[in-house]
Amino acid sequence: MPDTALPQPPRESRRALAGKITLALLVAAALMAVLCAAAMILPWWFAFREEQQWEDECNAGLHGCDPLPTRSTTWAPSSPGYSPSRTAVPSTEAGSLASSREAGTGPCRLIRPYAASVLRPQKVVAYVVRDGRLLVFLHADDASFDQSGLQVPAGTVRAGELPEAAVLREVVEETGLEGLRVERYLGASEYDMRPYADAIHVRHFYHLSIDLPEVPERWYTEERGEGGSAPIRFECYWLPVAEGHVLAAGQSALLGRLFD
């Protein structure tokens, strides 16, 4: 039986095939390099864009990032036209945020996201001062002082709400006081809640006063939770401002600015 050999492709065809395989391998290696670079660069890029978006929103006044409100507003649930979501609050009449930002001042210069994967809720903290004393409260139903500590009125800024409106709302909800007046914006800072909570609070601090002839020395209030949750009882009283360093969870961070 005669030997039958398979026909061999020409040498040029073998070279062309080897060239195509080499090119395919090079293309695959290049794609892998691009994917690896994207995996390293994209997290940084998203964090950078988040920072830029925050600063742009501040410049547009969407977060109330005005370092120096120039006039005050009285607010209470009994006031005509009151609405918790109403944003009719003071605006800056002297200088713009952009100029303060260029000078290195104002909250937008201070607040720069450095942990994009961590929640960064916007918070407000109220220093309500009367006759040299600071409004504070305890959680009346806590088993011990260590559970929540001594606090001042504070809370979360709702969607579409300016910080100045939020701080007034929080004081009323937690203390029941009315006739509140925002004296001035003290500044902003960050507080890392970890490990208690996986969040970094962006806090806006305000100095408030009360336009009432008399206020109680010590009283109890209840804050109604959302979704039908049980109310939270607070024991409110007045503490000398000089003793405010005992506040829990870093709430005394900008207390010294009351004296600036």
C-alpha atoms as a PDB file:
ATOM      1  CA  MET A   1       0.000   0.000   0.000  1.00  0.00           C
ATOM      2  CA  PRO A   2       1.608   3.250  -1.019  1.00  0.00           C
ATOM      3  CA  ASP A   3       2.552   5.714   1.727  1.00  0.00           C
ATOM      4  CA  THR A   4       0.258   8.690   1.874  1.00  0.00           C
ATOM      5  CA  ALA A   5       1.647  11.771   3.595  1.00  0.00           C
ATOM      6  CA  LEU A   6      -0.428  14.732   4.555  1.00  0.00           C
ATOM      7  CA  PRO A   7       0.383  17.771   2.527  1.00  0.00           C
ATOM      8  CA  GLN A   8       2.491  20.278   4.438  1.00  0.00           C
ATOM      9  CA  PRO A   9       1.524  23.925   4.282  1.00  0.00           C
ATOM     10  CA  PRO A  10       4.000  26.197   2.664  1.00  0.00           C
ATOM     11  CA  ARG A  11       6.618  27.755   4.946  1.00  0.00           C
ATOM     12  CA  GLU A  12       5.107  31.162   4.334  1.00  0.00           C
ATOM     13  CA  SER A  13       1.718  29.971   5.660  1.00  0.00           C
ATOM     14  CA  ARG A  14       3.300  28.641   8.845  1.00  0.00           C
ATOM     15  CA  ARG A  15       5.019  31.961   9.429  1.00  0.00           C
ATOM     16  CA  ALA A  16       1.773  33.857   8.870  1.00  0.00           C
ATOM     17  CA  LEU A  17      -0.039  31.608  11.356  1.00  0.00           C
ATOM     18  CA  ALA A  18       2.691  32.091  13.961  1.00  0.00           C
ATOM     19  CA  GLY A  19       2.507  35.840  13.416  1.00  0.00           C
ATOM     20  CA  LYS A  20      -1.255  35.855  13.957  1.00  0.00           C
ATOM     21  CA  ILE A  21      -0.915  33.852  17.177  1.00  0.00           C
ATOM     22  CA  THR A  22       1.772  36.214  18.449  1.00  0.00           C
ATOM     23  CA  LEU A  23      -0.360  39.243  17.603  1.00  0.00           C
ATOM     24  CA  ALA A  24      -3.349  37.733  19.411  1.00  0.00           C
ATOM     25  CA  LEU A  25      -1.232  37.101  22.509  1.00  0.00           C
ATOM     26  CA  LEU A  26       0.059  40.675  22.444  1.00  0.00           C
ATOM     27  CA  VAL A  27      -3.468  42.056  22.125  1.00  0.00           C
ATOM     28  CA  ALA A  28      -4.652  39.879  25.039  1.00  0.00           C
ATOM     29  CA  ALA A  29      -1.721  41.054  27.184  1.00  0.00           C
ATOM     30  CA  ALA A  30      -2.497  44.671  26.335  1.00  0.00           C
ATOM     31  CA  LEU A  31      -6.154  44.222  27.280  1.00  0.00           C
ATOM     32  CA  MET A  32      -5.136  42.649  30.597  1.00  0.00           C
ATOM     33  CA  ALA A  33      -2.842  45.591  31.294  1.00  0.00           C
ATOM     34  CA  VAL A  34      -5.654  48.042  30.534  1.00  0.00           C
ATOM     35  CA  LEU A  35      -8.057  46.183  32.836  1.00  0.00           C
ATOM     36  CA  CYS A  36      -5.503  46.099  35.657  1.00  0.00           C
ATOM     37  CA  ALA A  37      -4.821  49.817  35.265  1.00  0.00           C
ATOM     38  CA  ALA A  38      -8.548  50.564  35.277  1.00  0.00           C
ATOM     39  CA  ALA A  39      -9.017  48.531  38.459  1.00  0.00           C
ATOM     40  CA  MET A  40      -6.381  50.676  40.160  1.00  0.00           C
ATOM     41  CA  ILE A  41      -7.391  54.063  38.732  1.00  0.00           C
ATOM     42  CA  LEU A  42     -11.220  53.928  38.833  1.00  0.00           C
ATOM     43  CA  PRO A  43     -11.589  53.909  42.672  1.00  0.00           C
ATOM     44  CA  TRP A  44      -9.350  56.976  42.878  1.00  0.00           C
ATOM     45  CA  TRP A  45     -11.256  58.646  40.043  1.00  0.00           C
ATOM     46  CA  PHE A  46     -14.647  58.083  41.680  1.00  0.00           C
ATOM     47  CA  ALA A  47     -13.349  59.476  44.976  1.00  0.00           C
ATOM     48  CA  PHE A  48     -11.961  62.498  43.120  1.00  0.00           C
ATOM     49  CA  ARG A  49     -15.274  63.065  41.312  1.00  0.00           C
ATOM     50  CA  GLU A  50     -17.163  62.781  44.609  1.00  0.00           C
ATOM     51  CA  GLU A  51     -14.960  65.483  46.075  1.00  0.00           C
ATOM     52  CA  GLN A  52     -15.423  67.716  43.043  1.00  0.00           C
ATOM     53  CA  GLN A  53     -19.191  67.198  43.068  1.00  0.00           C
ATOM     54  CA  TRP A  54     -19.344  68.107  46.769  1.00  0.00           C
ATOM     55  CA  GLU A  55     -17.374  71.310  46.198  1.00  0.00           C
ATOM     56  CA  ASP A  56     -19.489  72.221  43.166  1.00  0.00           C
ATOM     57  CA  GLU A  57     -22.669  71.722  45.187  1.00  0.00           C
ATOM     58  CA  CYS A  58     -21.224  73.818  47.996  1.00  0.00           C
ATOM     59  CA  ASN A  59     -20.381  76.593  45.562  1.00  0.00           C
ATOM     60  CA  ALA A  60     -23.959  76.422  44.301  1.00  0.00           C
ATOM     61  CA  GLY A  61     -25.247  76.754  47.863  1.00  0.00           C
ATOM     62  CA  LEU A  62     -26.931  73.333  47.885  1.00  0.00           C
ATOM     63  CA  HIS A  63     -25.461  72.367  51.267  1.00  0.00           C
ATOM     64  CA  GLY A  64     -25.610  75.719  52.986  1.00  0.00           C
ATOM     65  CA  CYS A  65     -21.818  75.922  52.969  1.00  0.00           C
ATOM     66  CA  ASP A  66     -21.822  79.592  53.798  1.00  0.00           C
ATOM     67  CA  PRO A  67     -19.099  80.236  56.410  1.00  0.00           C
ATOM     68  CA  LEU A  68     -20.612  83.480  57.703  1.00  0.00           C
ATOM     69  CA  PRO A  69     -24.404  83.896  57.670  1.00  0.00           C
ATOM     70  CA  THR A  70     -25.034  87.613  58.103  1.00  0.00           C
ATOM     71  CA  ARG A  71     -28.527  87.633  59.560  1.00  0.00           C
ATOM     72  CA  SER A  72     -30.573  85.394  61.829  1.00  0.00           C
ATOM     73  CA  THR A  73     -33.955  83.764  61.564  1.00  0.00           C
ATOM     74  CA  THR A  74     -36.534  82.955  64.236  1.00  0.00           C
ATOM     75  CA  TRP A  75     -38.259  79.626  63.695  1.00  0.00           C
ATOM     76  CA  ALA A  76     -40.818  77.535  65.530  1.00  0.00           C
ATOM     77  CA  PRO A  77     -43.557  75.032  64.582  1.00  0.00           C
ATOM     78  CA  SER A  78     -46.165  77.603  65.603  1.00  0.00           C
ATOM     79  CA  SER A  79     -44.752  80.241  63.229  1.00  0.00           C
ATOM     80  CA  PRO A  80     -46.944  81.148  60.222  1.00  0.00           C
ATOM     81  CA  GLY A  81     -46.039  79.168  57.132  1.00  0.00           C
ATOM     82  CA  TYR A  82     -43.837  76.696  59.006  1.00  0.00           C
ATOM     83  CA  SER A  83     -42.878  73.559  57.122  1.00  0.00           C
ATOM     84  CA  PRO A  84     -40.069  71.142  58.129  1.00  0.00           C
ATOM     85  CA  SER A  85     -38.898  70.985  54.507  1.00  0.00           C
ATOM     86  CA  ARG A  86     -39.050  74.749  53.972  1.00  0.00           C
ATOM     87  CA  THR A  87     -35.705  76.191  52.983  1.00  0.00           C
ATOM     88  CA  ALA A  88     -36.419  79.879  53.574  1.00  0.00           C
ATOM     89  CA  VAL A  89     -33.284  80.453  55.651  1.00  0.00           C
ATOM     90  CA  PRO A  90     -30.663  83.210  55.759  1.00  0.00           C
ATOM     91  CA  SER A  91     -28.386  83.703  52.784  1.00  0.00           C
ATOM     92  CA  THR A  92     -24.973  85.316  52.703  1.00  0.00           C
ATOM     93  CA  GLU A  93     -24.985  88.976  51.795  1.00  0.00           C
ATOM     94  CA  ALA A  94     -21.288  89.701  52.298  1.00  0.00           C
ATOM     95  CA  GLY A  95     -18.815  87.737  50.225  1.00  0.00           C
ATOM     96  CA  SER A  96     -19.222  84.484  48.366  1.00  0.00           C
ATOM     97  CA  LEU A  97     -18.237  80.946  49.182  1.00  0.00           C
ATOM     98  CA  ALA A  98     -15.905  80.962  46.201  1.00  0.00           C
ATOM     99  CA  SER A  99     -13.843  83.802  47.679  1.00  0.00           C
ATOM    100  CA  SER A 100     -13.685  82.131  51.092  1.00  0.00           C
ATOM    101  CA  ARG A 101     -12.672  78.875  49.419  1.00  0.00           C
ATOM    102  CA  GLU A 102      -9.862  80.591  47.524  1.00  0.00           C
ATOM    103  CA  ALA A 103      -8.681  82.064  50.798  1.00  0.00           C
ATOM    104  CA  GLY A 104      -8.559  78.603  52.362  1.00  0.00           C
ATOM    105  CA  THR A 105     -11.505  79.119  54.698  1.00  0.00           C
ATOM    106  CA  GLY A 106     -15.054  77.837  54.881  1.00  0.00           C
ATOM    107  CA  PRO A 107     -16.384  74.300  55.190  1.00  0.00           C
ATOM    108  CA  CYS A 108     -15.770  73.318  51.567  1.00  0.00           C
ATOM    109  CA  ARG A 109     -12.043  73.748  52.138  1.00  0.00           C
ATOM    110  CA  LEU A 110     -12.202  71.682  55.323  1.00  0.00           C
ATOM    111  CA  ILE A 111     -14.342  68.807  54.118  1.00  0.00           C
ATOM    112  CA  ARG A 112     -12.618  66.562  51.630  1.00  0.00           C
ATOM    113  CA  PRO A 113     -13.754  62.946  51.201  1.00  0.00           C
ATOM    114  CA  TYR A 114     -10.896  60.581  52.037  1.00  0.00           C
ATOM    115  CA  ALA A 115     -12.875  57.349  52.404  1.00  0.00           C
ATOM    116  CA  ALA A 116     -15.246  57.074  49.468  1.00  0.00           C
ATOM    117  CA  SER A 117     -16.515  53.644  50.554  1.00  0.00           C
ATOM    118  CA  VAL A 118     -17.726  55.000  53.922  1.00  0.00           C
ATOM    119  CA  LEU A 119     -21.069  56.748  54.334  1.00  0.00           C
ATOM    120  CA  ARG A 120     -20.712  60.513  54.850  1.00  0.00           C
ATOM    121  CA  PRO A 121     -24.071  61.812  56.160  1.00  0.00           C
ATOM    122  CA  GLN A 122     -24.491  65.550  56.644  1.00  0.00           C
ATOM    123  CA  LYS A 123     -25.145  66.441  60.303  1.00  0.00           C
ATOM    124  CA  VAL A 124     -25.890  69.561  62.340  1.00  0.00           C
ATOM    125  CA  VAL A 125     -24.885  70.352  65.936  1.00  0.00           C
ATOM    126  CA  ALA A 126     -26.565  73.080  68.008  1.00  0.00           C
ATOM    127  CA  TYR A 127     -24.906  75.126  70.737  1.00  0.00           C
ATOM    128  CA  VAL A 128     -27.932  76.796  72.342  1.00  0.00           C
ATOM    129  CA  VAL A 129     -26.552  79.348  74.810  1.00  0.00           C
ATOM    130  CA  ARG A 130     -28.444  81.391  77.410  1.00  0.00           C
ATOM    131  CA  ASP A 131     -26.866  83.410  80.235  1.00  0.00           C
ATOM    132  CA  GLY A 132     -23.495  81.708  79.761  1.00  0.00           C
ATOM    133  CA  ARG A 133     -24.994  78.235  79.927  1.00  0.00           C
ATOM    134  CA  LEU A 134     -25.280  75.534  77.266  1.00  0.00           C
ATOM    135  CA  LEU A 135     -28.390  73.468  76.562  1.00  0.00           C
ATOM    136  CA  VAL A 136     -27.570  69.768  77.028  1.00  0.00           C
ATOM    137  CA  PHE A 137     -29.529  66.564  77.565  1.00  0.00           C
ATOM    138  CA  LEU A 138     -29.248  62.946  78.673  1.00  0.00           C
ATOM    139  CA  HIS A 139     -31.114  59.927  77.337  1.00  0.00           C
ATOM    140  CA  ALA A 140     -33.495  59.467  80.251  1.00  0.00           C
ATOM    141  CA  ASP A 141     -34.130  55.762  79.671  1.00  0.00           C
ATOM    142  CA  ASP A 142     -30.514  54.648  79.219  1.00  0.00           C
ATOM    143  CA  ALA A 143     -29.353  52.014  81.669  1.00  0.00           C
ATOM    144  CA  SER A 144     -26.176  53.996  82.396  1.00  0.00           C
ATOM    145  CA  PHE A 145     -24.465  57.270  81.528  1.00  0.00           C
ATOM    146  CA  ASP A 146     -21.906  55.352  79.466  1.00  0.00           C
ATOM    147  CA  GLN A 147     -24.532  54.285  76.937  1.00  0.00           C
ATOM    148  CA  SER A 148     -25.076  57.692  75.263  1.00  0.00           C
ATOM    149  CA  GLY A 149     -23.348  60.285  77.410  1.00  0.00           C
ATOM    150  CA  LEU A 150     -24.088  63.983  77.666  1.00  0.00           C
ATOM    151  CA  GLN A 151     -25.150  65.565  74.377  1.00  0.00           C
ATOM    152  CA  VAL A 152     -26.364  68.742  72.710  1.00  0.00           C
ATOM    153  CA  PRO A 153     -29.187  68.809  70.133  1.00  0.00           C
ATOM    154  CA  ALA A 154     -27.950  67.371  66.843  1.00  0.00           C
ATOM    155  CA  GLY A 155     -29.177  65.325  63.910  1.00  0.00           C
ATOM    156  CA  THR A 156     -29.212  64.556  60.215  1.00  0.00           C
ATOM    157  CA  VAL A 157     -29.830  67.023  57.397  1.00  0.00           C
ATOM    158  CA  ARG A 158     -32.748  65.753  55.346  1.00  0.00           C
ATOM    159  CA  ALA A 159     -32.751  65.593  51.551  1.00  0.00           C
ATOM    160  CA  GLY A 160     -33.362  69.056  50.111  1.00  0.00           C
ATOM    161  CA  GLU A 161     -32.942  70.709  53.521  1.00  0.00           C
ATOM    162  CA  LEU A 162     -30.347  73.354  54.311  1.00  0.00           C
ATOM    163  CA  PRO A 163     -28.239  72.838  57.458  1.00  0.00           C
ATOM    164  CA  GLU A 164     -29.568  76.026  59.085  1.00  0.00           C
ATOM    165  CA  ALA A 165     -33.148  74.782  58.756  1.00  0.00           C
ATOM    166  CA  ALA A 166     -32.099  71.339  59.983  1.00  0.00           C
ATOM    167  CA  VAL A 167     -30.444  72.638  63.154  1.00  0.00           C
ATOM    168  CA  LEU A 168     -33.541  74.627  64.113  1.00  0.00           C
ATOM    169  CA  ARG A 169     -35.791  71.626  63.486  1.00  0.00           C
ATOM    170  CA  GLU A 170     -33.583  69.274  65.515  1.00  0.00           C
ATOM    171  CA  VAL A 171     -33.531  71.565  68.573  1.00  0.00           C
ATOM    172  CA  VAL A 172     -37.332  71.830  68.584  1.00  0.00           C
ATOM    173  CA  GLU A 173     -37.812  68.083  68.129  1.00  0.00           C
ATOM    174  CA  GLU A 174     -35.359  67.131  70.880  1.00  0.00           C
ATOM    175  CA  THR A 175     -36.042  69.828  73.482  1.00  0.00           C
ATOM    176  CA  GLY A 176     -39.522  71.206  72.758  1.00  0.00           C
ATOM    177  CA  LEU A 177     -38.228  74.801  72.981  1.00  0.00           C
ATOM    178  CA  GLU A 178     -39.503  77.503  70.651  1.00  0.00           C
ATOM    179  CA  GLY A 179     -38.417  81.042  69.841  1.00  0.00           C
ATOM    180  CA  LEU A 180     -35.054  79.789  68.602  1.00  0.00           C
ATOM    181  CA  ARG A 181     -32.671  82.065  66.747  1.00  0.00           C
ATOM    182  CA  VAL A 182     -29.564  81.183  64.762  1.00  0.00           C
ATOM    183  CA  GLU A 183     -26.851  83.611  65.808  1.00  0.00           C
ATOM    184  CA  ARG A 184     -24.081  82.410  63.520  1.00  0.00           C
ATOM    185  CA  TYR A 185     -22.487  79.504  61.733  1.00  0.00           C
ATOM    186  CA  LEU A 186     -19.395  78.296  63.608  1.00  0.00           C
ATOM    187  CA  GLY A 187     -17.875  75.980  61.019  1.00  0.00           C
ATOM    188  CA  ALA A 188     -17.688  72.342  59.973  1.00  0.00           C
ATOM    189  CA  SER A 189     -15.712  69.295  60.993  1.00  0.00           C
ATOM    190  CA  GLU A 190     -15.688  65.546  60.519  1.00  0.00           C
ATOM    191  CA  TYR A 191     -16.181  62.834  63.120  1.00  0.00           C
ATOM    192  CA  ASP A 192     -15.346  59.186  62.414  1.00  0.00           C
ATOM    193  CA  MET A 193     -18.074  57.038  63.984  1.00  0.00           C
ATOM    194  CA  ARG A 194     -16.217  53.762  63.428  1.00  0.00           C
ATOM    195  CA  PRO A 195     -16.322  51.169  64.934  1.00  0.00           C
ATOM    196  CA  TYR A 196     -19.712  52.134  66.416  1.00  0.00           C
ATOM    197  CA  ALA A 197     -21.072  52.854  62.911  1.00  0.00           C
ATOM    198  CA  ASP A 198     -19.521  52.587  59.465  1.00  0.00           C
ATOM    199  CA  ALA A 199     -19.824  56.303  58.737  1.00  0.00           C
ATOM    200  CA  ILE A 200     -17.955  59.585  58.878  1.00  0.00           C
ATOM    201  CA  HIS A 201     -20.237  62.392  60.021  1.00  0.00           C
ATOM    202  CA  VAL A 202     -19.806  65.750  58.294  1.00  0.00           C
ATOM    203  CA  ARG A 203     -20.938  68.141  61.009  1.00  0.00           C
ATOM    204  CA  HIS A 204     -22.110  71.751  60.691  1.00  0.00           C
ATOM    205  CA  PHE A 205     -22.008  73.654  64.005  1.00  0.00           C
ATOM    206  CA  TYR A 206     -24.310  76.558  64.889  1.00  0.00           C
ATOM    207  CA  HIS A 207     -24.632  79.016  67.769  1.00  0.00           C
ATOM    208  CA  LEU A 208     -28.300  79.514  68.728  1.00  0.00           C
ATOM    209  CA  SER A 209     -30.159  81.664  71.257  1.00  0.00           C
ATOM    210  CA  ILE A 210     -33.744  81.741  72.557  1.00  0.00           C
ATOM    211  CA  ASP A 211     -36.133  84.686  72.306  1.00  0.00           C
ATOM    212  CA  LEU A 212     -38.221  83.761  75.350  1.00  0.00           C
ATOM    213  CA  PRO A 213     -38.501  85.662  78.646  1.00  0.00           C
ATOM    214  CA  GLU A 214     -38.355  82.448  80.686  1.00  0.00           C
ATOM    215  CA  VAL A 215     -37.128  78.906  80.071  1.00  0.00           C
ATOM    216  CA  PRO A 216     -37.243  75.891  82.407  1.00  0.00           C
ATOM    217  CA  GLU A 217     -34.146  74.897  84.356  1.00  0.00           C
ATOM    218  CA  ARG A 218     -34.651  71.167  83.927  1.00  0.00           C
ATOM    219  CA  TRP A 219     -37.346  69.297  81.990  1.00  0.00           C
ATOM    220  CA  TYR A 220     -38.186  66.082  80.136  1.00  0.00           C
ATOM    221  CA  THR A 221     -39.169  65.794  76.472  1.00  0.00           C
ATOM    222  CA  GLU A 222     -39.942  63.039  73.991  1.00  0.00           C
ATOM    223  CA  GLU A 223     -38.791  62.804  70.403  1.00  0.00           C
ATOM    224  CA  ARG A 224     -41.129  60.794  68.229  1.00  0.00           C
ATOM    225  CA  GLY A 225     -39.246  58.384  65.990  1.00  0.00           C
ATOM    226  CA  GLU A 226     -40.147  57.722  62.366  1.00  0.00           C
ATOM    227  CA  GLY A 227     -42.054  54.641  61.250  1.00  0.00           C
ATOM    228  CA  GLY A 228     -44.009  54.220  64.453  1.00  0.00           C
ATOM    229  CA  SER A 229     -40.949  53.531  66.601  1.00  0.00           C
ATOM    230  CA  ALA A 230     -41.076  54.146  70.331  1.00  0.00           C
ATOM    231  CA  PRO A 231     -40.436  57.756  71.454  1.00  0.00           C
ATOM    232  CA  ILE A 232     -37.047  58.663  72.916  1.00  0.00           C
ATOM    233  CA  ARG A 233     -37.089  60.502  76.245  1.00  0.00           C
ATOM    234  CA  PHE A 234     -34.591  63.268  76.940  1.00  0.00           C
ATOM    235  CA  GLU A 235     -33.709  64.983  80.219  1.00  0.00           C
ATOM    236  CA  CYS A 236     -32.766  68.549  79.287  1.00  0.00           C
ATOM    237  CA  TYR A 237     -30.955  71.092  81.443  1.00  0.00           C
ATOM    238  CA  TRP A 238     -28.404  73.922  81.307  1.00  0.00           C
ATOM    239  CA  LEU A 239     -24.660  73.405  81.768  1.00  0.00           C
ATOM    240  CA  PRO A 240     -22.058  76.177  82.173  1.00  0.00           C
ATOM    241  CA  VAL A 241     -20.359  76.636  78.809  1.00  0.00           C
ATOM    242  CA  ALA A 242     -16.959  76.295  80.491  1.00  0.00           C
ATOM    243  CA  GLU A 243     -17.881  72.699  81.338  1.00  0.00           C
ATOM    244  CA  GLY A 244     -18.922  71.799  77.804  1.00  0.00           C
ATOM    245  CA  HIS A 245     -15.765  69.760  77.220  1.00  0.00           C
ATOM    246  CA  VAL A 246     -17.578  66.784  78.797  1.00  0.00           C
ATOM    247  CA  LEU A 247     -19.891  66.391  75.784  1.00  0.00           C
ATOM    248  CA  ALA A 248     -19.886  62.942  74.179  1.00  0.00           C
ATOM    249  CA  ALA A 249     -18.846  61.844  70.675  1.00  0.00           C
ATOM    250  CA  GLY A 250     -16.774  64.915  69.853  1.00  0.00           C
ATOM    251  CA  GLN A 251     -19.715  67.332  70.029  1.00  0.00           C
ATOM    252  CA  SER A 252     -17.583  69.919  71.840  1.00  0.00           C
ATOM    253  CA  ALA A 253     -15.207  70.188  68.859  1.00  0.00           C
ATOM    254  CA  LEU A 254     -16.089  73.802  67.968  1.00  0.00           C
ATOM    255  CA  LEU A 255     -17.316  74.984  71.355  1.00  0.00           C
ATOM    256  CA  GLY A 256     -14.342  77.343  71.659  1.00  0.00           C
ATOM    257  CA  ARG A 257     -15.540  79.312  68.624  1.00  0.00           C
ATOM    258  CA  LEU A 258     -18.349  80.706  70.747  1.00  0.00           C
ATOM    259  CA  PHE A 259     -15.680  83.013  72.186  1.00  0.00           C
ATOM    260  CA  ASP A 260     -14.156  84.107  68.863  1.00  0.00           C
END
